[in-house]
C-alpha cells in the first residue's frame, strides 16, 4: 500500500512538472512576440496606445463547472470598445498592442508612459485580440489566472477613465 501511494505521488509530481513546463514563462513569450512581430519604432506604438479613445469597458466572464453540477461565473478578462485609429486595421492593432505588451513586460519601454495600461502585467503574459465591432474595434485582453484577469479588468477600467471619448453635453 505504501509503495502504491508513493508511486501515485511520484506520478502526480511528474505530471504537475510536465504541465507547468508546457507553458513558457511570460518573459519567453514576450521575447518571442517582440522578435517576430515588432517594428523598430516603439515610440509610435506607445503614441497609439496613449491616443486610443475608449467607448466602453466590460468584464469577460467564463462559466466554470464546480462540484455536483454547479457552476459559477469568473472574470476571464476585459473587453474594451475603442474608436479605430485612422489607417490601422484590426490585425495591425492586434500586432501593435501585442508588441507593446511584450516590450513593456521586457522593460524595453517606459512603463509609466501609459498609466493603468491594460495591455501588459508584471510577471504575466496578457493575451490581446482585436476585432471589428459595429464600426469600432473590440479589444479583448485576458491573462492566465483569475487574479491576473481581475487586475486586467481593473486596469482597463482606469485606462478607460483616462481615455474616454468626450461625451456631447447636448445629448440626453
Protein backbone atom coordinates (compact mmCIF):
# COMPACT_ATOMS: atom_id res chain seq x y z
CA UNK A 1 0.00 0.00 0.00
CA UNK A 2 2.81 2.38 0.90
CA UNK A 3 4.58 1.68 -2.42
CA UNK A 4 1.36 2.31 -4.33
CA UNK A 5 0.87 5.63 -2.55
CA UNK A 6 4.47 6.67 -3.22
CA UNK A 7 4.01 5.69 -6.87
CA UNK A 8 0.88 7.83 -7.17
CA UNK A 9 2.65 10.80 -5.55
CA UNK A 10 5.59 10.41 -7.95
CA UNK A 11 3.24 10.27 -10.97
CA UNK A 12 1.44 13.37 -9.68
CA UNK A 13 4.67 15.30 -9.24
CA UNK A 14 5.89 14.33 -12.72
CA UNK A 15 2.51 15.25 -14.24
CA UNK A 16 2.47 18.60 -12.47
CA UNK A 17 6.03 19.36 -13.53
CA UNK A 18 5.20 18.45 -17.13
CA UNK A 19 2.08 20.63 -17.11
CA UNK A 20 4.00 23.58 -15.69
CA UNK A 21 6.83 23.09 -18.16
CA UNK A 22 4.43 23.14 -21.13
CA UNK A 23 3.59 26.82 -20.57
CA UNK A 24 6.55 29.04 -21.39
CA UNK A 25 7.43 31.75 -18.87
CA UNK A 26 5.89 35.16 -19.67
CA UNK A 27 9.29 36.69 -20.48
CA UNK A 28 9.96 33.93 -23.05
CA UNK A 29 6.58 34.52 -24.66
CA UNK A 30 7.22 38.27 -24.71
CA UNK A 31 10.69 37.82 -26.24
CA UNK A 32 9.24 35.63 -29.00
CA UNK A 33 6.49 38.14 -29.78
CA UNK A 34 8.99 41.01 -29.76
CA UNK A 35 11.30 39.16 -32.15
CA UNK A 36 8.54 38.10 -34.59
CA UNK A 37 6.10 41.00 -34.53
CA UNK A 38 7.70 44.27 -33.51
CA UNK A 39 8.84 47.07 -35.77
CA UNK A 40 11.74 49.26 -34.73
CA UNK A 41 9.55 52.27 -33.81
CA UNK A 42 8.29 51.67 -30.25
CA UNK A 43 7.56 55.39 -29.82
CA UNK A 44 4.85 55.35 -32.50
CA UNK A 45 3.29 52.28 -30.91
CA UNK A 46 3.24 53.90 -27.47
CA UNK A 47 1.71 57.02 -29.04
CA UNK A 48 -1.10 54.88 -30.45
CA UNK A 49 -1.71 53.30 -27.02
CA UNK A 50 -1.79 56.76 -25.41
CA UNK A 51 -4.15 58.20 -28.05
CA UNK A 52 -6.71 55.37 -28.12
CA UNK A 53 -10.24 56.57 -27.31
CA UNK A 54 -12.37 54.16 -25.27
CA UNK A 55 -16.15 53.98 -25.66
CA UNK A 56 -16.86 51.24 -23.10
CA UNK A 57 -15.30 48.55 -20.93
CA UNK A 58 -16.93 45.36 -19.71
CA UNK A 59 -15.72 42.22 -17.99
CA UNK A 60 -15.44 38.97 -19.92
CA UNK A 61 -16.79 36.01 -17.97
CA UNK A 62 -16.21 32.26 -18.22
CA UNK A 63 -18.62 29.70 -16.86
CA UNK A 64 -16.71 27.25 -14.66
CA UNK A 65 -18.21 23.96 -13.54
CA UNK A 66 -17.85 23.29 -9.83
CA UNK A 67 -18.89 20.33 -7.67
CA UNK A 68 -22.19 18.49 -8.15
CA UNK A 69 -23.06 20.09 -11.48
CA UNK A 70 -22.95 23.58 -10.05
CA UNK A 71 -21.19 26.38 -11.84
CA UNK A 72 -20.01 29.89 -11.35
CA UNK A 73 -19.01 32.85 -13.47
CA UNK A 74 -15.39 34.00 -13.22
CA UNK A 75 -13.78 37.08 -14.71
CA UNK A 76 -11.61 35.90 -17.57
CA UNK A 77 -10.53 39.27 -18.94
CA UNK A 78 -11.89 42.57 -20.20
CA UNK A 79 -13.33 43.91 -23.42
CA UNK A 80 -12.60 47.49 -24.43
CA UNK A 81 -14.66 49.04 -27.20
CA UNK A 82 -12.49 51.70 -28.85
CA UNK A 83 -12.59 54.08 -31.78
CA UNK A 84 -10.47 52.64 -34.60
CA UNK A 85 -7.26 54.60 -35.13
CA UNK A 86 -7.12 56.17 -38.60
CA UNK A 87 -5.49 53.91 -41.17
CA UNK A 88 -5.00 50.96 -38.76
CA UNK A 89 -6.75 47.62 -39.35
CA UNK A 90 -7.84 45.28 -36.56
CA UNK A 91 -4.98 42.92 -37.43
CA UNK A 92 -2.44 45.73 -37.32
CA UNK A 93 -3.77 46.97 -33.99
CA UNK A 94 -3.56 43.43 -32.57
CA UNK A 95 0.09 43.24 -33.60
CA UNK A 96 0.86 46.74 -32.27
CA UNK A 97 -0.76 46.07 -28.89
CA UNK A 98 0.88 42.64 -28.55
CA UNK A 99 4.23 44.18 -29.36
CA UNK A 100 3.62 47.00 -26.87
CA UNK A 101 2.72 44.45 -24.18
CA UNK A 102 5.81 42.37 -24.93
CA UNK A 103 8.13 45.36 -24.78
CA UNK A 104 6.54 46.60 -21.55
CA UNK A 105 6.89 43.16 -19.92
CA UNK A 106 10.53 43.01 -21.03
CA UNK A 107 11.21 46.52 -19.69
CA UNK A 108 12.12 47.89 -23.13
CA UNK A 109 9.71 50.84 -22.89
CA UNK A 110 8.91 53.30 -20.14
CA UNK A 111 6.05 51.56 -18.31
CA UNK A 112 4.93 54.82 -16.68
CA UNK A 113 4.12 56.47 -20.02
CA UNK A 114 0.60 54.97 -20.06
CA UNK A 115 -0.94 54.83 -16.58
CA UNK A 116 -3.12 51.76 -15.92
CA UNK A 117 -2.00 50.18 -19.20
CA UNK A 118 -4.25 47.09 -19.62
CA UNK A 119 -2.06 45.55 -22.33
CA UNK A 120 0.63 44.17 -20.01
CA UNK A 121 1.10 42.93 -16.45
CA UNK A 122 4.29 42.47 -14.45
CA UNK A 123 5.31 38.79 -14.46
CA UNK A 124 2.33 37.70 -16.59
CA UNK A 125 1.55 37.48 -20.29
CA UNK A 126 -1.61 39.28 -21.48
CA UNK A 127 -3.43 37.84 -24.49
CA UNK A 128 -4.79 40.51 -26.85
CA UNK A 129 -7.27 40.14 -29.69
CA UNK A 130 -8.80 42.96 -31.74
CA UNK A 131 -11.95 42.51 -33.84
CA UNK A 132 -14.15 44.97 -35.72
CA UNK A 133 -17.47 45.62 -33.96
CA UNK A 134 -20.15 48.00 -35.23
CA UNK A 135 -17.66 50.36 -36.85
CA UNK A 136 -15.36 50.30 -33.83
CA UNK A 137 -12.79 47.83 -32.50
CA UNK A 138 -13.41 45.40 -29.66
CA UNK A 139 -10.16 44.67 -27.85
CA UNK A 140 -10.28 41.58 -25.65
CA UNK A 141 -7.49 41.28 -23.09
CA UNK A 142 -7.01 38.28 -20.82
CA UNK A 143 -4.41 36.57 -18.65
CA UNK A 144 -3.92 33.06 -17.29
CA UNK A 145 -5.42 33.35 -13.80
CA UNK A 146 -8.48 34.82 -12.15
CA UNK A 147 -6.31 37.19 -10.08
CA UNK A 148 -4.49 38.43 -13.19
CA UNK A 149 -7.78 38.80 -15.07
CA UNK A 150 -9.21 40.88 -12.23
CA UNK A 151 -6.11 43.07 -12.44
CA UNK A 152 -6.51 43.38 -16.23
CA UNK A 153 -10.17 44.38 -15.80
CA UNK A 154 -9.29 46.93 -13.11
CA UNK A 155 -6.56 48.43 -15.27
CA UNK A 156 -8.91 48.53 -18.27
CA UNK A 157 -11.49 50.48 -16.24
CA UNK A 158 -8.93 53.03 -15.06
CA UNK A 159 -7.43 53.26 -18.56
CA UNK A 160 -10.92 53.90 -19.95
CA UNK A 161 -11.44 56.72 -17.44
CA UNK A 162 -8.30 58.42 -18.76
CA UNK A 163 -9.03 57.68 -22.45
CA UNK A 164 -12.80 58.07 -22.67
CA UNK A 165 -14.40 59.59 -25.75
CA UNK A 166 -15.71 63.03 -24.79
CA UNK A 167 -19.47 62.94 -24.39
CA UNK A 168 -21.59 65.56 -26.12
CA UNK A 169 -23.19 67.70 -23.38
CA UNK A 170 -26.15 68.35 -25.70
CA UNK A 171 -27.19 64.70 -25.67
CA UNK A 172 -29.82 63.49 -23.18
